[in-house]
Amino acid sequence: ITDCVPQVQAAATAAAAGGTLAALTAATVAEIT
């Protein structure tokens, strides 16, 4: 989401865009392309 937000608004911003704040692992970081 390319609207700049403070960290305290990150989860609500993700939800408003129809998703959830990402939970990453060492393996899924490679998928962030």
PDB file of all heavy atoms in Angstrom:
ATOM      1  N   ILE A   1       0.875  -1.162   0.000  1.00  0.00           N
ATOM      2  CA  ILE A   1       0.000   0.000   0.000  1.00  0.00           C
ATOM      3  C   ILE A   1       0.914   1.214   0.000  1.00  0.00           C
ATOM      4  O   ILE A   1       1.717   1.394   0.919  1.00  0.00           O
ATOM      5  CB  ILE A   1      -0.916  -0.008   1.233  1.00  0.00           C
ATOM      6  CG1 ILE A   1      -1.761  -1.281   1.211  1.00  0.00           C
ATOM      7  CG2 ILE A   1      -1.791   1.241   1.270  1.00  0.00           C
ATOM      8  CD1 ILE A   1      -2.267  -1.715   2.550  1.00  0.00           C
ATOM      9  N   THR A   2       0.824   2.019  -1.043  1.00  0.00           N
ATOM     10  CA  THR A   2       1.803   3.088  -1.227  1.00  0.00           C
ATOM     11  C   THR A   2       1.369   4.415  -0.620  1.00  0.00           C
ATOM     12  O   THR A   2       1.902   5.463  -0.965  1.00  0.00           O
ATOM     13  CB  THR A   2       2.158   3.262  -2.710  1.00  0.00           C
ATOM     14  OG1 THR A   2       0.969   3.491  -3.455  1.00  0.00           O
ATOM     15  CG2 THR A   2       2.877   2.028  -3.236  1.00  0.00           C
ATOM     16  N   ASP A   3       0.399   4.380   0.278  1.00  0.00           N
ATOM     17  CA  ASP A   3       0.132   5.539   1.122  1.00  0.00           C
ATOM     18  C   ASP A   3       1.076   5.426   2.316  1.00  0.00           C
ATOM     19  O   ASP A   3       1.136   4.382   2.957  1.00  0.00           O
ATOM     20  CB  ASP A   3      -1.307   5.535   1.644  1.00  0.00           C
ATOM     21  CG  ASP A   3      -2.311   5.990   0.597  1.00  0.00           C
ATOM     22  OD1 ASP A   3      -1.880   6.615  -0.388  1.00  0.00           O
ATOM     23  OD2 ASP A   3      -3.501   5.714   0.772  1.00  0.00           O
ATOM     24  N   CYS A   4       1.808   6.480   2.601  1.00  0.00           N
ATOM     25  CA  CYS A   4       2.742   6.458   3.730  1.00  0.00           C
ATOM     26  C   CYS A   4       1.965   6.621   5.031  1.00  0.00           C
ATOM     27  O   CYS A   4       1.188   7.562   5.169  1.00  0.00           O
ATOM     28  CB  CYS A   4       3.757   7.581   3.587  1.00  0.00           C
ATOM     29  SG  CYS A   4       4.774   7.434   2.121  1.00  0.00           S
ATOM     30  N   VAL A   5       2.159   5.678   5.951  1.00  0.00           N
ATOM     31  CA  VAL A   5       1.440   5.738   7.228  1.00  0.00           C
ATOM     32  C   VAL A   5       2.402   5.466   8.374  1.00  0.00           C
ATOM     33  O   VAL A   5       3.406   4.773   8.207  1.00  0.00           O
ATOM     34  CB  VAL A   5       0.276   4.717   7.287  1.00  0.00           C
ATOM     35  CG1 VAL A   5      -0.729   4.981   6.191  1.00  0.00           C
ATOM     36  CG2 VAL A   5       0.787   3.299   7.216  1.00  0.00           C
ATOM     37  N   PRO A   6       2.093   5.988   9.571  1.00  0.00           N
ATOM     38  CA  PRO A   6       2.887   5.639  10.746  1.00  0.00           C
ATOM     39  C   PRO A   6       2.686   4.168  11.091  1.00  0.00           C
ATOM     40  O   PRO A   6       1.662   3.567  10.736  1.00  0.00           O
ATOM     41  CB  PRO A   6       2.342   6.532  11.860  1.00  0.00           C
ATOM     42  CG  PRO A   6       1.368   7.451  11.238  1.00  0.00           C
ATOM     43  CD  PRO A   6       1.046   6.946   9.880  1.00  0.00           C
ATOM     44  N   GLN A   7       3.634   3.592  11.802  1.00  0.00           N
ATOM     45  CA  GLN A   7       3.563   2.174  12.139  1.00  0.00           C
ATOM     46  C   GLN A   7       2.283   1.824  12.884  1.00  0.00           C
ATOM     47  O   GLN A   7       1.705   0.765  12.661  1.00  0.00           O
ATOM     48  CB  GLN A   7       4.790   1.777  12.966  1.00  0.00           C
ATOM     49  CG  GLN A   7       4.908   0.287  13.225  1.00  0.00           C
ATOM     50  CD  GLN A   7       4.097  -0.160  14.430  1.00  0.00           C
ATOM     51  OE1 GLN A   7       3.895   0.602  15.370  1.00  0.00           O
ATOM     52  NE2 GLN A   7       3.644  -1.396  14.405  1.00  0.00           N
ATOM     53  N   VAL A   8       1.793   2.696  13.740  1.00  0.00           N
ATOM     54  CA  VAL A   8       0.602   2.393  14.527  1.00  0.00           C
ATOM     55  C   VAL A   8      -0.648   2.261  13.669  1.00  0.00           C
ATOM     56  O   VAL A   8      -1.653   1.709  14.117  1.00  0.00           O
ATOM     57  CB  VAL A   8       0.367   3.440  15.643  1.00  0.00           C
ATOM     58  CG1 VAL A   8       1.479   3.374  16.679  1.00  0.00           C
ATOM     59  CG2 VAL A   8       0.266   4.842  15.055  1.00  0.00           C
ATOM     60  N   GLN A   9      -0.596   2.726  12.426  1.00  0.00           N
ATOM     61  CA  GLN A   9      -1.735   2.610  11.524  1.00  0.00           C
ATOM     62  C   GLN A   9      -1.574   1.490  10.502  1.00  0.00           C
ATOM     63  O   GLN A   9      -2.450   1.278   9.662  1.00  0.00           O
ATOM     64  CB  GLN A   9      -1.967   3.922  10.785  1.00  0.00           C
ATOM     65  CG  GLN A   9      -2.361   5.076  11.686  1.00  0.00           C
ATOM     66  CD  GLN A   9      -2.490   6.379  10.928  1.00  0.00           C
ATOM     67  OE1 GLN A   9      -2.380   6.422   9.703  1.00  0.00           O
ATOM     68  NE2 GLN A   9      -2.710   7.460  11.641  1.00  0.00           N
ATOM     69  N   ALA A  10      -0.481   0.755  10.561  1.00  0.00           N
ATOM     70  CA  ALA A  10      -0.185  -0.227   9.515  1.00  0.00           C
ATOM     71  C   ALA A  10      -1.238  -1.322   9.414  1.00  0.00           C
ATOM     72  O   ALA A  10      -1.698  -1.650   8.314  1.00  0.00           O
ATOM     73  CB  ALA A  10       1.198  -0.833   9.745  1.00  0.00           C
ATOM     74  N   ALA A  11      -1.639  -1.922  10.533  1.00  0.00           N
ATOM     75  CA  ALA A  11      -2.611  -3.018  10.485  1.00  0.00           C
ATOM     76  C   ALA A  11      -3.961  -2.539   9.967  1.00  0.00           C
ATOM     77  O   ALA A  11      -4.588  -3.203   9.137  1.00  0.00           O
ATOM     78  CB  ALA A  11      -2.761  -3.654  11.862  1.00  0.00           C
ATOM     79  N   ALA A  12      -4.418  -1.382  10.428  1.00  0.00           N
ATOM     80  CA  ALA A  12      -5.696  -0.847   9.967  1.00  0.00           C
ATOM     81  C   ALA A  12      -5.644  -0.495   8.488  1.00  0.00           C
ATOM     82  O   ALA A  12      -6.628  -0.684   7.759  1.00  0.00           O
ATOM     83  CB  ALA A  12      -6.079   0.378  10.795  1.00  0.00           C
ATOM     84  N   THR A  13      -4.508   0.002   8.019  1.00  0.00           N
ATOM     85  CA  THR A  13      -4.344   0.335   6.605  1.00  0.00           C
ATOM     86  C   THR A  13      -4.419  -0.917   5.754  1.00  0.00           C
ATOM     87  O   THR A  13      -5.061  -0.929   4.696  1.00  0.00           O
ATOM     88  CB  THR A  13      -3.007   1.064   6.382  1.00  0.00           C
ATOM     89  OG1 THR A  13      -2.995   2.252   7.188  1.00  0.00           O
ATOM     90  CG2 THR A  13      -2.808   1.446   4.938  1.00  0.00           C
ATOM     91  N   ALA A  14      -3.771  -2.001   6.198  1.00  0.00           N
ATOM     92  CA  ALA A  14      -3.828  -3.271   5.468  1.00  0.00           C
ATOM     93  C   ALA A  14      -5.254  -3.798   5.407  1.00  0.00           C
ATOM     94  O   ALA A  14      -5.717  -4.258   4.355  1.00  0.00           O
ATOM     95  CB  ALA A  14      -2.913  -4.298   6.124  1.00  0.00           C
ATOM     96  N   ALA A  15      -5.974  -3.728   6.519  1.00  0.00           N
ATOM     97  CA  ALA A  15      -7.355  -4.207   6.554  1.00  0.00           C
ATOM     98  C   ALA A  15      -8.248  -3.380   5.635  1.00  0.00           C
ATOM     99  O   ALA A  15      -9.102  -3.919   4.924  1.00  0.00           O
ATOM    100  CB  ALA A  15      -7.881  -4.189   7.983  1.00  0.00           C
ATOM    101  N   ALA A  16      -8.045  -2.066   5.624  1.00  0.00           N
ATOM    102  CA  ALA A  16      -8.858  -1.193   4.778  1.00  0.00           C
ATOM    103  C   ALA A  16      -8.642  -1.472   3.295  1.00  0.00           C
ATOM    104  O   ALA A  16      -9.533  -1.241   2.476  1.00  0.00           O
ATOM    105  CB  ALA A  16      -8.546   0.266   5.096  1.00  0.00           C
ATOM    106  N   ALA A  17      -7.472  -2.000   2.954  1.00  0.00           N
ATOM    107  CA  ALA A  17      -7.170  -2.332   1.565  1.00  0.00           C
ATOM    108  C   ALA A  17      -7.571  -3.760   1.209  1.00  0.00           C
ATOM    109  O   ALA A  17      -7.280  -4.241   0.120  1.00  0.00           O
ATOM    110  CB  ALA A  17      -5.680  -2.124   1.288  1.00  0.00           C
ATOM    111  N   GLY A  18      -8.207  -4.466   2.153  1.00  0.00           N
ATOM    112  CA  GLY A  18      -8.696  -5.812   1.872  1.00  0.00           C
ATOM    113  C   GLY A  18      -7.711  -6.920   2.143  1.00  0.00           C
ATOM    114  O   GLY A  18      -7.869  -8.037   1.635  1.00  0.00           O
ATOM    115  N   GLY A  19      -6.695  -6.669   2.945  1.00  0.00           N
ATOM    116  CA  GLY A  19      -5.720  -7.704   3.277  1.00  0.00           C
ATOM    117  C   GLY A  19      -5.422  -7.714   4.761  1.00  0.00           C
ATOM    118  O   GLY A  19      -6.184  -7.190   5.566  1.00  0.00           O
ATOM    119  N   THR A  20      -4.298  -8.318   5.104  1.00  0.00           N
ATOM    120  CA  THR A  20      -3.828  -8.320   6.486  1.00  0.00           C
ATOM    121  C   THR A  20      -2.362  -7.934   6.481  1.00  0.00           C
ATOM    122  O   THR A  20      -1.657  -8.148   5.484  1.00  0.00           O
ATOM    123  CB  THR A  20      -3.962  -9.716   7.133  1.00  0.00           C
ATOM    124  OG1 THR A  20      -3.222 -10.661   6.349  1.00  0.00           O
ATOM    125  CG2 THR A  20      -5.411 -10.154   7.216  1.00  0.00           C
ATOM    126  N   LEU A  21      -1.896  -7.378   7.583  1.00  0.00           N
ATOM    127  CA  LEU A  21      -0.486  -7.019   7.691  1.00  0.00           C
ATOM    128  C   LEU A  21       0.340  -8.289   7.509  1.00  0.00           C
ATOM    129  O   LEU A  21       0.075  -9.307   8.140  1.00  0.00           O
ATOM    130  CB  LEU A  21      -0.234  -6.382   9.056  1.00  0.00           C
ATOM    131  CG  LEU A  21       1.020  -5.544   9.234  1.00  0.00           C
ATOM    132  CD1 LEU A  21       1.101  -4.419   8.214  1.00  0.00           C
ATOM    133  CD2 LEU A  21       1.075  -4.984  10.639  1.00  0.00           C
ATOM    134  N   ALA A  22       1.308  -8.277   6.621  1.00  0.00           N
ATOM    135  CA  ALA A  22       2.049  -9.484   6.241  1.00  0.00           C
ATOM    136  C   ALA A  22       2.830 -10.084   7.405  1.00  0.00           C
ATOM    137  O   ALA A  22       3.427  -9.366   8.204  1.00  0.00           O
ATOM    138  CB  ALA A  22       3.010  -9.170   5.102  1.00  0.00           C
ATOM    139  N   ALA A  23       2.796 -11.396   7.489  1.00  0.00           N
ATOM    140  CA  ALA A  23       3.623 -12.170   8.413  1.00  0.00           C
ATOM    141  C   ALA A  23       4.639 -12.905   7.555  1.00  0.00           C
ATOM    142  O   ALA A  23       4.265 -13.739   6.731  1.00  0.00           O
ATOM    143  CB  ALA A  23       2.765 -13.143   9.213  1.00  0.00           C
ATOM    144  N   LEU A  24       5.910 -12.583   7.706  1.00  0.00           N
ATOM    145  CA  LEU A  24       6.948 -13.135   6.840  1.00  0.00           C
ATOM    146  C   LEU A  24       7.775 -14.197   7.539  1.00  0.00           C
ATOM    147  O   LEU A  24       7.873 -14.229   8.767  1.00  0.00           O
ATOM    148  CB  LEU A  24       7.875 -12.024   6.346  1.00  0.00           C
ATOM    149  CG  LEU A  24       7.238 -10.903   5.536  1.00  0.00           C
ATOM    150  CD1 LEU A  24       8.303  -9.888   5.127  1.00  0.00           C
ATOM    151  CD2 LEU A  24       6.503 -11.446   4.324  1.00  0.00           C
ATOM    152  N   THR A  25       8.380 -15.050   6.736  1.00  0.00           N
ATOM    153  CA  THR A  25       9.386 -16.001   7.199  1.00  0.00           C
ATOM    154  C   THR A  25      10.618 -15.804   6.323  1.00  0.00           C
ATOM    155  O   THR A  25      10.559 -15.113   5.298  1.00  0.00           O
ATOM    156  CB  THR A  25       8.896 -17.453   7.055  1.00  0.00           C
ATOM    157  OG1 THR A  25       8.745 -17.748   5.658  1.00  0.00           O
ATOM    158  CG2 THR A  25       7.580 -17.683   7.781  1.00  0.00           C
ATOM    159  N   ALA A  26      11.713 -16.431   6.706  1.00  0.00           N
ATOM    160  CA  ALA A  26      12.923 -16.341   5.884  1.00  0.00           C
ATOM    161  C   ALA A  26      12.640 -16.815   4.462  1.00  0.00           C
ATOM    162  O   ALA A  26      13.193 -16.286   3.501  1.00  0.00           O
ATOM    163  CB  ALA A  26      14.044 -17.150   6.522  1.00  0.00           C
ATOM    164  N   ALA A  27      11.752 -17.805   4.312  1.00  0.00           N
ATOM    165  CA  ALA A  27      11.425 -18.334   2.984  1.00  0.00           C
ATOM    166  C   ALA A  27      10.546 -17.373   2.180  1.00  0.00           C
ATOM    167  O   ALA A  27      10.761 -17.174   0.985  1.00  0.00           O
ATOM    168  CB  ALA A  27      10.735 -19.687   3.109  1.00  0.00           C
ATOM    169  N   THR A  28       9.549 -16.758   2.821  1.00  0.00           N
ATOM    170  CA  THR A  28       8.640 -15.905   2.059  1.00  0.00           C
ATOM    171  C   THR A  28       9.247 -14.550   1.719  1.00  0.00           C
ATOM    172  O   THR A  28       8.770 -13.888   0.788  1.00  0.00           O
ATOM    173  CB  THR A  28       7.297 -15.691   2.803  1.00  0.00           C
ATOM    174  OG1 THR A  28       7.551 -15.129   4.087  1.00  0.00           O
ATOM    175  CG2 THR A  28       6.520 -16.986   2.930  1.00  0.00           C
ATOM    176  N   VAL A  29      10.296 -14.144   2.408  1.00  0.00           N
ATOM    177  CA  VAL A  29      10.953 -12.881   2.047  1.00  0.00           C
ATOM    178  C   VAL A  29      11.423 -12.946   0.589  1.00  0.00           C
ATOM    179  O   VAL A  29      11.349 -11.952  -0.136  1.00  0.00           O
ATOM    180  CB  VAL A  29      12.137 -12.581   2.998  1.00  0.00           C
ATOM    181  CG1 VAL A  29      13.052 -11.507   2.425  1.00  0.00           C
ATOM    182  CG2 VAL A  29      11.606 -12.139   4.352  1.00  0.00           C
ATOM    183  N   ALA A  30      11.851 -14.107   0.145  1.00  0.00           N
ATOM    184  CA  ALA A  30      12.299 -14.269  -1.239  1.00  0.00           C
ATOM    185  C   ALA A  30      11.168 -14.055  -2.244  1.00  0.00           C
ATOM    186  O   ALA A  30      11.412 -13.780  -3.415  1.00  0.00           O
ATOM    187  CB  ALA A  30      12.919 -15.651  -1.435  1.00  0.00           C
ATOM    188  N   GLU A  31       9.908 -14.160  -1.783  1.00  0.00           N
ATOM    189  CA  GLU A  31       8.760 -13.978  -2.666  1.00  0.00           C
ATOM    190  C   GLU A  31       8.359 -12.509  -2.826  1.00  0.00           C
ATOM    191  O   GLU A  31       7.488 -12.184  -3.623  1.00  0.00           O
ATOM    192  CB  GLU A  31       7.558 -14.750  -2.125  1.00  0.00           C
ATOM    193  CG  GLU A  31       7.759 -16.243  -2.065  1.00  0.00           C
ATOM    194  CD  GLU A  31       6.552 -16.955  -1.469  1.00  0.00           C
ATOM    195  OE1 GLU A  31       5.446 -16.376  -1.493  1.00  0.00           O
ATOM    196  OE2 GLU A  31       6.723 -18.068  -0.984  1.00  0.00           O
ATOM    197  N   ILE A  32       8.992 -11.636  -2.061  1.00  0.00           N
ATOM    198  CA  ILE A  32       8.645 -10.213  -2.114  1.00  0.00           C
ATOM    199  C   ILE A  32       9.403  -9.580  -3.273  1.00  0.00           C
ATOM    200  O   ILE A  32      10.427  -8.934  -3.105  1.00  0.00           O
ATOM    201  CB  ILE A  32       8.998  -9.495  -0.789  1.00  0.00           C
ATOM    202  CG1 ILE A  32       8.470 -10.254   0.410  1.00  0.00           C
ATOM    203  CG2 ILE A  32       8.477  -8.063  -0.800  1.00  0.00           C
ATOM    204  CD1 ILE A  32       6.980 -10.342   0.510  1.00  0.00           C
ATOM    205  N   THR A  33       8.929  -9.826  -4.475  1.00  0.00           N
ATOM    206  CA  THR A  33       9.568  -9.267  -5.665  1.00  0.00           C
ATOM    207  C   THR A  33       8.547  -8.480  -6.472  1.00  0.00           C
ATOM    208  O   THR A  33       7.360  -8.813  -6.494  1.00  0.00           O
ATOM    209  CB  THR A  33      10.186 -10.370  -6.550  1.00  0.00           C
ATOM    210  OG1 THR A  33       9.159 -11.281  -6.942  1.00  0.00           O
ATOM    211  CG2 THR A  33      11.288 -11.115  -5.814  1.00  0.00           C
TER     212      THR A  33
END
